[in-house]
Amino acid sequence: MTQKKRHYDRKKKHTVLKVVSTIFVLVIIAIASIAYAAYRNIESTFSTSYENFPKTTSIDLKKSKTFTTLIIATGKNNSKNTAYATVLASTNVKTNQTTFMNFPVFATMPNQKTITEVYNTNGDDGIFQMVKDLLNVSINKVIQIDVNKMGLLVQATGGITMQNPKAFNAEGYEFKQGTVNLQTADQVQAYMTQIDDTDLDASITRIQNVSMELYGNIQKIAHMKKLESFNYYREILYAFSNTVKTNISFNDAKTIVMSYNKALKNTSKLNLHTTDENGAKVVSQTELDSVKTLFEKSLK
C-alpha cells in the first residue's frame, strides 16, 4: 500500500469515529440549538453533567488555543464493563479543523495492553493515562458517554427507525429481521444488549447503528427553524445530563460555540490500523508513531 493510500485510509469515514464525534457535537448543540428557549435549564444541565477530571491540563479557551478532548464511550453489556470507543480530538482555530484519532479498544497497543483491559482494571482514569502516555500529549477536556443511558436520548428525541439484520430476543423484547422502530429507553437498551459471549461484535454494531440514527435526530433539532415546546427541550436536556459527563463547563461550551464554530464543522479522522498476530489484533509501534505524527500536526 502506498504512503498516499495509507494516509487517505486513515482519514476515511469510520463508524466508531462517527459515534463518538456525534456526542462531542451534541455537547455543543445542547447550547447552540436551544440557547434562547431554555437558557437556565441548559446552564443547569451542564452543572449536572459537569465532572472534574483532575488529571486534565487547564486551557484558556477565550484565547482560541487548540484544545484536546478525550471521548470515552463505556457501559455494561451482559453484566460486563466494556469500553466501546476511545477517541482523542483536537480542535484548532488556526486551521479551522477538528481531528478525531480513533483507538481500537480491543487491539493490543505497543505497551502490550488493550484499552478494554485497562478500563476493566482502572476505569476511565486508566484510559486517560494510557492515551496520554501513548501520545505524550496533554488532554484538556473529557467527555464520558454512558452507552446504557443512550436510550434516554433516543426516547427524548422521538425514537428511531432502522434496519435489523438478524432476528433475536432480549430482555423481554422481540426484534424481528427488517425494519424495527425503537421508541422507549427500555427498547433501545434491550436492542443494544449483548446476548451471549459470541454476540459482542454484533452488539457493538447495533450500538453504532443506534448512535447514527440518534445523530440524525440531533441534526434535525439543530436545524429546526421553529423551536418546539419547552417540555420537549427539557426532556432532551434531562437525558443529556444522565448520559454524558464532561469537564466542559457551561461557559466553556458558550466560548466553543462562538470561537470554534468553523473548526467544529470541518472534521478529519485518523485510524490506527491493526495487524493479525496469532489470532489477535495488534497495533505496531511503527503504526502508532506514524499516526501520532499526523495528530501532532493537527495541534499546530
C-alpha atoms as a PDB file:
ATOM      1  CA  MET A   1       0.000   0.000   0.000  1.00  0.00           C
ATOM      2  CA  THR A   2       1.441   3.402  -0.927  1.00  0.00           C
ATOM      3  CA  GLN A   3       2.032   6.111   1.672  1.00  0.00           C
ATOM      4  CA  LYS A   4      -0.569   8.306  -0.083  1.00  0.00           C
ATOM      5  CA  LYS A   5      -3.108   5.480   0.052  1.00  0.00           C
ATOM      6  CA  ARG A   6      -2.392   4.779   3.747  1.00  0.00           C
ATOM      7  CA  HIS A   7      -2.759   8.474   4.534  1.00  0.00           C
ATOM      8  CA  TYR A   8      -6.152   8.509   2.802  1.00  0.00           C
ATOM      9  CA  ASP A   9      -7.310   5.363   4.574  1.00  0.00           C
ATOM     10  CA  ARG A  10      -6.542   6.870   7.938  1.00  0.00           C
ATOM     11  CA  LYS A  11      -8.786   9.823   7.191  1.00  0.00           C
ATOM     12  CA  LYS A  12     -11.705   7.968   5.590  1.00  0.00           C
ATOM     13  CA  LYS A  13     -15.052   7.838   7.350  1.00  0.00           C
ATOM     14  CA  HIS A  14     -15.157   5.365  10.207  1.00  0.00           C
ATOM     15  CA  THR A  15     -18.270   4.231  12.039  1.00  0.00           C
ATOM     16  CA  VAL A  16     -16.783   4.278  15.536  1.00  0.00           C
ATOM     17  CA  LEU A  17     -15.498   7.780  14.992  1.00  0.00           C
ATOM     18  CA  LYS A  18     -18.942   8.887  13.859  1.00  0.00           C
ATOM     19  CA  VAL A  19     -20.435   7.520  17.056  1.00  0.00           C
ATOM     20  CA  VAL A  20     -18.164   9.375  19.451  1.00  0.00           C
ATOM     21  CA  SER A  21     -17.900  12.544  17.381  1.00  0.00           C
ATOM     22  CA  THR A  22     -21.702  12.623  17.457  1.00  0.00           C
ATOM     23  CA  ILE A  23     -21.667  13.023  21.226  1.00  0.00           C
ATOM     24  CA  PHE A  24     -18.884  15.596  21.027  1.00  0.00           C
ATOM     25  CA  VAL A  25     -21.032  17.713  18.717  1.00  0.00           C
ATOM     26  CA  LEU A  26     -24.055  17.011  20.917  1.00  0.00           C
ATOM     27  CA  VAL A  27     -22.349  18.747  23.840  1.00  0.00           C
ATOM     28  CA  ILE A  28     -22.148  21.895  21.748  1.00  0.00           C
ATOM     29  CA  ILE A  29     -25.614  21.508  20.217  1.00  0.00           C
ATOM     30  CA  ALA A  30     -27.057  21.397  23.727  1.00  0.00           C
ATOM     31  CA  ILE A  31     -26.350  25.129  23.776  1.00  0.00           C
ATOM     32  CA  ALA A  32     -26.358  26.117  20.114  1.00  0.00           C
ATOM     33  CA  SER A  33     -29.812  24.826  19.176  1.00  0.00           C
ATOM     34  CA  ILE A  34     -31.681  25.507  22.400  1.00  0.00           C
ATOM     35  CA  ALA A  35     -29.916  28.566  23.780  1.00  0.00           C
ATOM     36  CA  TYR A  36     -32.761  31.048  23.838  1.00  0.00           C
ATOM     37  CA  ALA A  37     -35.559  28.594  24.544  1.00  0.00           C
ATOM     38  CA  ALA A  38     -34.246  27.247  27.825  1.00  0.00           C
ATOM     39  CA  TYR A  39     -31.138  29.185  28.831  1.00  0.00           C
ATOM     40  CA  ARG A  40     -31.372  28.495  32.556  1.00  0.00           C
ATOM     41  CA  ASN A  41     -32.158  24.827  32.003  1.00  0.00           C
ATOM     42  CA  ILE A  42     -29.102  24.459  29.759  1.00  0.00           C
ATOM     43  CA  GLU A  43     -26.911  26.002  32.419  1.00  0.00           C
ATOM     44  CA  SER A  44     -28.404  23.611  34.966  1.00  0.00           C
ATOM     45  CA  THR A  45     -27.821  20.685  32.573  1.00  0.00           C
ATOM     46  CA  PHE A  46     -24.154  21.470  32.272  1.00  0.00           C
ATOM     47  CA  SER A  47     -23.903  21.779  36.049  1.00  0.00           C
ATOM     48  CA  THR A  48     -25.433  18.302  36.361  1.00  0.00           C
ATOM     49  CA  SER A  49     -23.236  16.841  33.621  1.00  0.00           C
ATOM     50  CA  TYR A  50     -20.081  18.558  34.830  1.00  0.00           C
ATOM     51  CA  GLU A  51     -17.453  16.352  36.397  1.00  0.00           C
ATOM     52  CA  ASN A  52     -13.959  17.346  37.389  1.00  0.00           C
ATOM     53  CA  PHE A  53     -11.241  15.228  35.812  1.00  0.00           C
ATOM     54  CA  PRO A  54      -8.233  16.224  37.940  1.00  0.00           C
ATOM     55  CA  LYS A  55      -5.539  14.924  35.564  1.00  0.00           C
ATOM     56  CA  THR A  56      -6.576  17.200  32.695  1.00  0.00           C
ATOM     57  CA  THR A  57      -4.498  20.229  31.716  1.00  0.00           C
ATOM     58  CA  SER A  58      -6.301  23.566  32.005  1.00  0.00           C
ATOM     59  CA  ILE A  59      -6.513  25.816  28.944  1.00  0.00           C
ATOM     60  CA  ASP A  60      -7.835  29.305  28.261  1.00  0.00           C
ATOM     61  CA  LEU A  61     -10.407  28.796  25.503  1.00  0.00           C
ATOM     62  CA  LYS A  62     -11.053  32.540  25.302  1.00  0.00           C
ATOM     63  CA  LYS A  63      -7.622  32.866  23.676  1.00  0.00           C
ATOM     64  CA  SER A  64      -8.758  30.462  20.923  1.00  0.00           C
ATOM     65  CA  LYS A  65      -5.988  27.993  21.649  1.00  0.00           C
ATOM     66  CA  THR A  66      -6.061  24.496  20.197  1.00  0.00           C
ATOM     67  CA  PHE A  67      -7.557  22.094  22.730  1.00  0.00           C
ATOM     68  CA  THR A  68      -7.793  18.326  23.011  1.00  0.00           C
ATOM     69  CA  THR A  69     -10.814  16.298  24.093  1.00  0.00           C
ATOM     70  CA  LEU A  70     -10.746  12.649  25.147  1.00  0.00           C
ATOM     71  CA  ILE A  71     -14.061  10.967  24.305  1.00  0.00           C
ATOM     72  CA  ILE A  72     -14.797   7.651  26.021  1.00  0.00           C
ATOM     73  CA  ALA A  73     -17.898   5.522  25.388  1.00  0.00           C
ATOM     74  CA  THR A  74     -18.406   2.842  28.026  1.00  0.00           C
ATOM     75  CA  GLY A  75     -21.151   0.744  29.564  1.00  0.00           C
ATOM     76  CA  LYS A  76     -22.244  -2.614  30.911  1.00  0.00           C
ATOM     77  CA  ASN A  77     -23.113  -5.292  28.401  1.00  0.00           C
ATOM     78  CA  ASN A  78     -24.185  -8.757  29.510  1.00  0.00           C
ATOM     79  CA  SER A  79     -23.150  -7.737  33.066  1.00  0.00           C
ATOM     80  CA  LYS A  80     -19.620  -6.918  31.893  1.00  0.00           C
ATOM     81  CA  ASN A  81     -17.982  -3.483  31.944  1.00  0.00           C
ATOM     82  CA  THR A  82     -16.978  -2.629  28.394  1.00  0.00           C
ATOM     83  CA  ALA A  83     -15.112   0.245  26.740  1.00  0.00           C
ATOM     84  CA  TYR A  84     -16.773   0.613  23.346  1.00  0.00           C
ATOM     85  CA  ALA A  85     -14.813   3.506  21.903  1.00  0.00           C
ATOM     86  CA  THR A  86     -11.931   5.816  22.739  1.00  0.00           C
ATOM     87  CA  VAL A  87     -11.146   8.855  20.604  1.00  0.00           C
ATOM     88  CA  LEU A  88      -8.864  11.838  21.108  1.00  0.00           C
ATOM     89  CA  ALA A  89      -9.955  15.021  19.322  1.00  0.00           C
ATOM     90  CA  SER A  90      -8.006  18.188  18.584  1.00  0.00           C
ATOM     91  CA  THR A  91      -9.905  21.387  17.777  1.00  0.00           C
ATOM     92  CA  ASN A  92      -7.779  24.018  16.056  1.00  0.00           C
ATOM     93  CA  VAL A  93      -8.931  27.559  15.239  1.00  0.00           C
ATOM     94  CA  LYS A  94      -5.865  28.318  13.099  1.00  0.00           C
ATOM     95  CA  THR A  95      -6.626  25.504  10.677  1.00  0.00           C
ATOM     96  CA  ASN A  96     -10.405  25.551  11.293  1.00  0.00           C
ATOM     97  CA  GLN A  97     -10.271  21.802  11.783  1.00  0.00           C
ATOM     98  CA  THR A  98     -11.275  19.176  14.338  1.00  0.00           C
ATOM     99  CA  THR A  99      -9.306  15.941  14.022  1.00  0.00           C
ATOM    100  CA  PHE A 100     -10.530  12.703  15.608  1.00  0.00           C
ATOM    101  CA  MET A 101      -7.979   9.956  16.346  1.00  0.00           C
ATOM    102  CA  ASN A 102      -9.568   6.566  16.971  1.00  0.00           C
ATOM    103  CA  PHE A 103      -8.039   3.922  19.258  1.00  0.00           C
ATOM    104  CA  PRO A 104      -9.192   0.337  18.515  1.00  0.00           C
ATOM    105  CA  VAL A 105     -10.245  -0.668  22.017  1.00  0.00           C
ATOM    106  CA  PHE A 106      -9.809  -4.434  21.625  1.00  0.00           C
ATOM    107  CA  ALA A 107      -6.385  -4.295  19.948  1.00  0.00           C
ATOM    108  CA  THR A 108      -3.100  -4.758  21.812  1.00  0.00           C
ATOM    109  CA  MET A 109      -1.145  -1.496  21.815  1.00  0.00           C
ATOM    110  CA  PRO A 110       2.677  -1.242  21.834  1.00  0.00           C
ATOM    111  CA  ASN A 111       2.601  -1.218  25.650  1.00  0.00           C
ATOM    112  CA  GLN A 112       1.122  -4.754  25.450  1.00  0.00           C
ATOM    113  CA  LYS A 113      -2.225  -3.621  26.851  1.00  0.00           C
ATOM    114  CA  THR A 114      -5.684  -3.157  25.365  1.00  0.00           C
ATOM    115  CA  ILE A 115      -7.928  -0.265  26.249  1.00  0.00           C
ATOM    116  CA  THR A 116     -10.669  -2.667  27.346  1.00  0.00           C
ATOM    117  CA  GLU A 117      -8.279  -4.387  29.774  1.00  0.00           C
ATOM    118  CA  VAL A 118      -7.148  -1.062  31.209  1.00  0.00           C
ATOM    119  CA  TYR A 119     -10.757   0.091  31.584  1.00  0.00           C
ATOM    120  CA  ASN A 120     -11.757  -3.111  33.394  1.00  0.00           C
ATOM    121  CA  THR A 121      -8.903  -2.582  35.860  1.00  0.00           C
ATOM    122  CA  ASN A 122      -8.706   1.194  36.295  1.00  0.00           C
ATOM    123  CA  GLY A 123     -11.829   2.648  34.673  1.00  0.00           C
ATOM    124  CA  ASP A 124     -11.868   5.994  32.860  1.00  0.00           C
ATOM    125  CA  ASP A 125      -8.720   7.123  34.693  1.00  0.00           C
ATOM    126  CA  GLY A 126      -6.855   4.152  33.252  1.00  0.00           C
ATOM    127  CA  ILE A 127      -7.891   5.024  29.686  1.00  0.00           C
ATOM    128  CA  PHE A 128      -6.964   8.670  30.270  1.00  0.00           C
ATOM    129  CA  GLN A 129      -3.468   7.765  31.463  1.00  0.00           C
ATOM    130  CA  MET A 130      -2.933   5.204  28.707  1.00  0.00           C
ATOM    131  CA  VAL A 131      -3.817   7.632  25.894  1.00  0.00           C
ATOM    132  CA  LYS A 132      -1.716  10.350  27.478  1.00  0.00           C
ATOM    133  CA  ASP A 133       1.291   8.036  27.803  1.00  0.00           C
ATOM    134  CA  LEU A 134       0.977   6.593  24.289  1.00  0.00           C
ATOM    135  CA  LEU A 135       0.832  10.008  22.596  1.00  0.00           C
ATOM    136  CA  ASN A 136       2.756  12.102  25.142  1.00  0.00           C
ATOM    137  CA  VAL A 137       0.156  14.849  24.764  1.00  0.00           C
ATOM    138  CA  SER A 138      -1.832  16.990  27.199  1.00  0.00           C
ATOM    139  CA  ILE A 139      -5.554  16.319  27.495  1.00  0.00           C
ATOM    140  CA  ASN A 140      -7.709  19.378  28.200  1.00  0.00           C
ATOM    141  CA  LYS A 141     -11.292  18.127  28.107  1.00  0.00           C
ATOM    142  CA  VAL A 142     -13.013  14.802  28.691  1.00  0.00           C
ATOM    143  CA  ILE A 143     -16.440  13.579  27.554  1.00  0.00           C
ATOM    144  CA  GLN A 144     -17.577  10.295  29.093  1.00  0.00           C
ATOM    145  CA  ILE A 145     -20.617   8.652  27.496  1.00  0.00           C
ATOM    146  CA  ASP A 146     -22.686   6.020  29.298  1.00  0.00           C
ATOM    147  CA  VAL A 147     -23.937   3.807  26.482  1.00  0.00           C
ATOM    148  CA  ASN A 148     -26.503   2.234  28.812  1.00  0.00           C
ATOM    149  CA  LYS A 149     -28.220   5.627  29.170  1.00  0.00           C
ATOM    150  CA  MET A 150     -28.254   6.434  25.448  1.00  0.00           C
ATOM    151  CA  GLY A 151     -31.812   5.138  25.147  1.00  0.00           C
ATOM    152  CA  LEU A 152     -32.969   8.136  27.186  1.00  0.00           C
ATOM    153  CA  LEU A 153     -31.753  10.445  24.414  1.00  0.00           C
ATOM    154  CA  VAL A 154     -33.403   8.311  21.739  1.00  0.00           C
ATOM    155  CA  GLN A 155     -36.709   8.451  23.614  1.00  0.00           C
ATOM    156  CA  ALA A 156     -36.438  12.201  24.269  1.00  0.00           C
ATOM    157  CA  THR A 157     -35.741  12.960  20.598  1.00  0.00           C
ATOM    158  CA  GLY A 158     -38.724  10.993  19.287  1.00  0.00           C
ATOM    159  CA  GLY A 159     -37.443   7.459  18.745  1.00  0.00           C
ATOM    160  CA  ILE A 160     -35.679   5.899  15.758  1.00  0.00           C
ATOM    161  CA  THR A 161     -36.473   3.544  12.876  1.00  0.00           C
ATOM    162  CA  MET A 162     -33.743   1.315  11.465  1.00  0.00           C
ATOM    163  CA  GLN A 163     -32.978  -1.978   9.736  1.00  0.00           C
ATOM    164  CA  ASN A 164     -32.284  -5.016  11.922  1.00  0.00           C
ATOM    165  CA  PRO A 165     -30.175  -7.621  10.045  1.00  0.00           C
ATOM    166  CA  LYS A 166     -30.979 -10.590  12.307  1.00  0.00           C
ATOM    167  CA  ALA A 167     -33.990 -11.513  14.458  1.00  0.00           C
ATOM    168  CA  PHE A 168     -33.365 -12.006  18.193  1.00  0.00           C
ATOM    169  CA  ASN A 169     -34.998 -11.682  21.621  1.00  0.00           C
ATOM    170  CA  ALA A 170     -33.560  -9.674  24.512  1.00  0.00           C
ATOM    171  CA  GLU A 171     -34.867  -8.537  27.907  1.00  0.00           C
ATOM    172  CA  GLY A 172     -38.471  -9.447  27.048  1.00  0.00           C
ATOM    173  CA  TYR A 173     -38.483  -7.741  23.640  1.00  0.00           C
ATOM    174  CA  GLU A 174     -38.681  -9.450  20.235  1.00  0.00           C
ATOM    175  CA  PHE A 175     -36.740  -7.781  17.440  1.00  0.00           C
ATOM    176  CA  LYS A 176     -37.698  -9.147  14.047  1.00  0.00           C
ATOM    177  CA  GLN A 177     -35.475  -9.067  10.991  1.00  0.00           C
ATOM    178  CA  GLY A 178     -36.107  -5.993   8.859  1.00  0.00           C
ATOM    179  CA  THR A 179     -37.453  -2.610   9.933  1.00  0.00           C
ATOM    180  CA  VAL A 180     -37.610  -2.016  13.692  1.00  0.00           C
ATOM    181  CA  ASN A 181     -38.967   1.031  15.484  1.00  0.00           C
ATOM    182  CA  LEU A 182     -37.434   1.869  18.855  1.00  0.00           C
ATOM    183  CA  GLN A 183     -39.400   4.400  20.878  1.00  0.00           C
ATOM    184  CA  THR A 184     -38.580   3.870  24.561  1.00  0.00           C
ATOM    185  CA  ALA A 185     -35.327   3.825  26.513  1.00  0.00           C
ATOM    186  CA  ASP A 186     -36.012   0.234  27.596  1.00  0.00           C
ATOM    187  CA  GLN A 187     -36.464  -0.899  23.989  1.00  0.00           C
ATOM    188  CA  VAL A 188     -33.213   0.752  22.949  1.00  0.00           C
ATOM    189  CA  GLN A 189     -31.293  -0.763  25.844  1.00  0.00           C
ATOM    190  CA  ALA A 190     -32.652  -4.236  25.077  1.00  0.00           C
ATOM    191  CA  TYR A 191     -31.739  -3.852  21.398  1.00  0.00           C
ATOM    192  CA  MET A 192     -28.124  -2.929  22.226  1.00  0.00           C
ATOM    193  CA  THR A 193     -27.677  -5.718  24.775  1.00  0.00           C
ATOM    194  CA  GLN A 194     -25.021  -8.366  24.204  1.00  0.00           C
ATOM    195  CA  ILE A 195     -26.980 -11.631  24.051  1.00  0.00           C
ATOM    196  CA  ASP A 196     -24.096 -14.035  24.744  1.00  0.00           C
ATOM    197  CA  ASP A 197     -20.300 -14.278  24.531  1.00  0.00           C
ATOM    198  CA  THR A 198     -20.425 -14.743  20.752  1.00  0.00           C
ATOM    199  CA  ASP A 199     -22.531 -11.615  20.229  1.00  0.00           C
ATOM    200  CA  LEU A 200     -20.041  -8.885  21.180  1.00  0.00           C
ATOM    201  CA  ASP A 201     -19.238  -7.682  17.636  1.00  0.00           C
ATOM    202  CA  ALA A 202     -22.914  -7.702  16.628  1.00  0.00           C
ATOM    203  CA  SER A 203     -23.851  -5.849  19.806  1.00  0.00           C
ATOM    204  CA  ILE A 204     -21.255  -3.158  19.140  1.00  0.00           C
ATOM    205  CA  THR A 205     -22.569  -2.809  15.579  1.00  0.00           C
ATOM    206  CA  ARG A 206     -26.100  -2.338  16.938  1.00  0.00           C
ATOM    207  CA  ILE A 207     -24.811   0.328  19.349  1.00  0.00           C
ATOM    208  CA  GLN A 208     -23.100   2.122  16.472  1.00  0.00           C
ATOM    209  CA  ASN A 209     -26.232   1.982  14.317  1.00  0.00           C
ATOM    210  CA  VAL A 210     -28.421   3.324  17.130  1.00  0.00           C
ATOM    211  CA  SER A 211     -25.898   6.136  17.635  1.00  0.00           C
ATOM    212  CA  MET A 212     -26.023   7.118  13.980  1.00  0.00           C
ATOM    213  CA  GLU A 213     -29.832   7.221  13.995  1.00  0.00           C
ATOM    214  CA  LEU A 214     -29.663   9.336  17.155  1.00  0.00           C
ATOM    215  CA  TYR A 215     -27.231  11.619  15.335  1.00  0.00           C
ATOM    216  CA  GLY A 216     -29.899  12.097  12.656  1.00  0.00           C
ATOM    217  CA  ASN A 217     -32.396  13.156  15.326  1.00  0.00           C
ATOM    218  CA  ILE A 218     -29.922  15.643  16.796  1.00  0.00           C
ATOM    219  CA  GLN A 219     -29.170  17.099  13.354  1.00  0.00           C
ATOM    220  CA  LYS A 220     -32.884  17.758  12.834  1.00  0.00           C
ATOM    221  CA  ILE A 221     -33.055  19.547  16.173  1.00  0.00           C
ATOM    222  CA  ALA A 222     -30.029  21.667  15.295  1.00  0.00           C
ATOM    223  CA  HIS A 223     -31.615  22.768  12.010  1.00  0.00           C
ATOM    224  CA  MET A 224     -35.082  23.484  13.340  1.00  0.00           C
ATOM    225  CA  LYS A 225     -36.185  26.946  12.282  1.00  0.00           C
ATOM    226  CA  LYS A 226     -39.089  26.865  14.707  1.00  0.00           C
ATOM    227  CA  LEU A 227     -38.490  25.915  18.327  1.00  0.00           C
ATOM    228  CA  GLU A 228     -40.557  23.129  19.854  1.00  0.00           C
ATOM    229  CA  SER A 229     -42.206  23.284  23.283  1.00  0.00           C
ATOM    230  CA  PHE A 230     -40.205  23.974  26.404  1.00  0.00           C
ATOM    231  CA  ASN A 231     -41.026  20.498  27.777  1.00  0.00           C
ATOM    232  CA  TYR A 232     -39.568  18.913  24.632  1.00  0.00           C
ATOM    233  CA  TYR A 233     -36.172  20.516  25.220  1.00  0.00           C
ATOM    234  CA  ARG A 234     -36.342  19.864  28.938  1.00  0.00           C
ATOM    235  CA  GLU A 235     -36.647  16.125  28.269  1.00  0.00           C
ATOM    236  CA  ILE A 236     -33.672  16.220  25.914  1.00  0.00           C
ATOM    237  CA  LEU A 237     -31.575  18.121  28.427  1.00  0.00           C
ATOM    238  CA  TYR A 238     -32.542  15.703  31.203  1.00  0.00           C
ATOM    239  CA  ALA A 239     -31.497  12.749  29.035  1.00  0.00           C
ATOM    240  CA  PHE A 240     -28.283  14.533  28.081  1.00  0.00           C
ATOM    241  CA  SER A 241     -27.303  15.142  31.696  1.00  0.00           C
ATOM    242  CA  ASN A 242     -27.857  11.473  32.512  1.00  0.00           C
ATOM    243  CA  THR A 243     -25.898  10.181  29.516  1.00  0.00           C
ATOM    244  CA  VAL A 244     -22.866  12.478  29.388  1.00  0.00           C
ATOM    245  CA  LYS A 245     -20.297  13.503  31.989  1.00  0.00           C
ATOM    246  CA  THR A 246     -17.769  16.164  30.999  1.00  0.00           C
ATOM    247  CA  ASN A 247     -15.464  18.864  32.322  1.00  0.00           C
ATOM    248  CA  ILE A 248     -16.706  21.203  29.581  1.00  0.00           C
ATOM    249  CA  SER A 249     -18.487  23.823  31.641  1.00  0.00           C
ATOM    250  CA  PHE A 250     -21.404  25.955  30.513  1.00  0.00           C
ATOM    251  CA  ASN A 251     -19.078  28.925  29.925  1.00  0.00           C
ATOM    252  CA  ASP A 252     -16.641  26.671  28.041  1.00  0.00           C
ATOM    253  CA  ALA A 253     -19.411  25.494  25.753  1.00  0.00           C
ATOM    254  CA  LYS A 254     -20.526  29.064  25.028  1.00  0.00           C
ATOM    255  CA  THR A 255     -16.946  30.025  24.154  1.00  0.00           C
ATOM    256  CA  ILE A 256     -16.559  26.986  21.900  1.00  0.00           C
ATOM    257  CA  VAL A 257     -19.787  27.814  20.067  1.00  0.00           C
ATOM    258  CA  MET A 258     -18.649  31.401  19.490  1.00  0.00           C
ATOM    259  CA  SER A 259     -14.928  30.911  18.766  1.00  0.00           C
ATOM    260  CA  TYR A 260     -14.526  27.379  17.411  1.00  0.00           C
ATOM    261  CA  ASN A 261     -17.644  27.096  15.254  1.00  0.00           C
ATOM    262  CA  LYS A 262     -15.833  26.692  11.897  1.00  0.00           C
ATOM    263  CA  ALA A 263     -13.332  24.242  13.369  1.00  0.00           C
ATOM    264  CA  LEU A 264     -16.161  22.030  14.622  1.00  0.00           C
ATOM    265  CA  LYS A 265     -17.770  21.889  11.185  1.00  0.00           C
ATOM    266  CA  ASN A 266     -14.584  20.757   9.392  1.00  0.00           C
ATOM    267  CA  THR A 267     -13.530  17.320  10.601  1.00  0.00           C
ATOM    268  CA  SER A 268     -10.924  14.751   9.643  1.00  0.00           C
ATOM    269  CA  LYS A 269     -10.353  11.274  11.039  1.00  0.00           C
ATOM    270  CA  LEU A 270      -7.270   9.227  11.847  1.00  0.00           C
ATOM    271  CA  ASN A 271      -7.452   5.460  12.385  1.00  0.00           C
ATOM    272  CA  LEU A 272      -4.834   3.233  13.944  1.00  0.00           C
ATOM    273  CA  HIS A 273      -4.593   0.186  11.680  1.00  0.00           C
ATOM    274  CA  THR A 274      -4.114  -3.256  13.201  1.00  0.00           C
ATOM    275  CA  THR A 275      -2.337  -6.406  12.091  1.00  0.00           C
ATOM    276  CA  ASP A 276      -3.161 -10.014  12.967  1.00  0.00           C
ATOM    277  CA  GLU A 277      -0.658 -11.803  15.202  1.00  0.00           C
ATOM    278  CA  ASN A 278      -1.569 -15.297  16.353  1.00  0.00           C
ATOM    279  CA  GLY A 279      -5.259 -14.503  16.028  1.00  0.00           C
ATOM    280  CA  ALA A 280      -5.047 -11.219  17.951  1.00  0.00           C
ATOM    281  CA  LYS A 281      -5.333  -7.640  16.685  1.00  0.00           C
ATOM    282  CA  VAL A 282      -2.145  -5.645  17.299  1.00  0.00           C
ATOM    283  CA  VAL A 283      -1.126  -2.011  16.744  1.00  0.00           C
ATOM    284  CA  SER A 284       2.597  -1.823  15.990  1.00  0.00           C
ATOM    285  CA  GLN A 285       4.915   0.871  17.351  1.00  0.00           C
ATOM    286  CA  THR A 286       5.601   1.983  13.765  1.00  0.00           C
ATOM    287  CA  GLU A 287       1.881   2.449  13.105  1.00  0.00           C
ATOM    288  CA  LEU A 288       1.373   4.341  16.371  1.00  0.00           C
ATOM    289  CA  ASP A 289       4.329   6.653  15.649  1.00  0.00           C
ATOM    290  CA  SER A 290       3.059   7.356  12.129  1.00  0.00           C
ATOM    291  CA  VAL A 291      -0.467   8.318  13.239  1.00  0.00           C
ATOM    292  CA  LYS A 292       0.901  10.156  16.272  1.00  0.00           C
ATOM    293  CA  THR A 293       2.913  12.396  13.923  1.00  0.00           C
ATOM    294  CA  LEU A 294      -0.226  13.241  11.957  1.00  0.00           C
ATOM    295  CA  PHE A 295      -2.128  14.043  15.155  1.00  0.00           C
ATOM    296  CA  GLU A 296       0.679  16.274  16.404  1.00  0.00           C
ATOM    297  CA  LYS A 297       0.390  18.296  13.186  1.00  0.00           C
ATOM    298  CA  SER A 298      -3.293  18.884  13.950  1.00  0.00           C
ATOM    299  CA  LEU A 299      -2.285  20.653  17.172  1.00  0.00           C
ATOM    300  CA  LYS A 300      -0.092  23.261  15.480  1.00  0.00           C
END
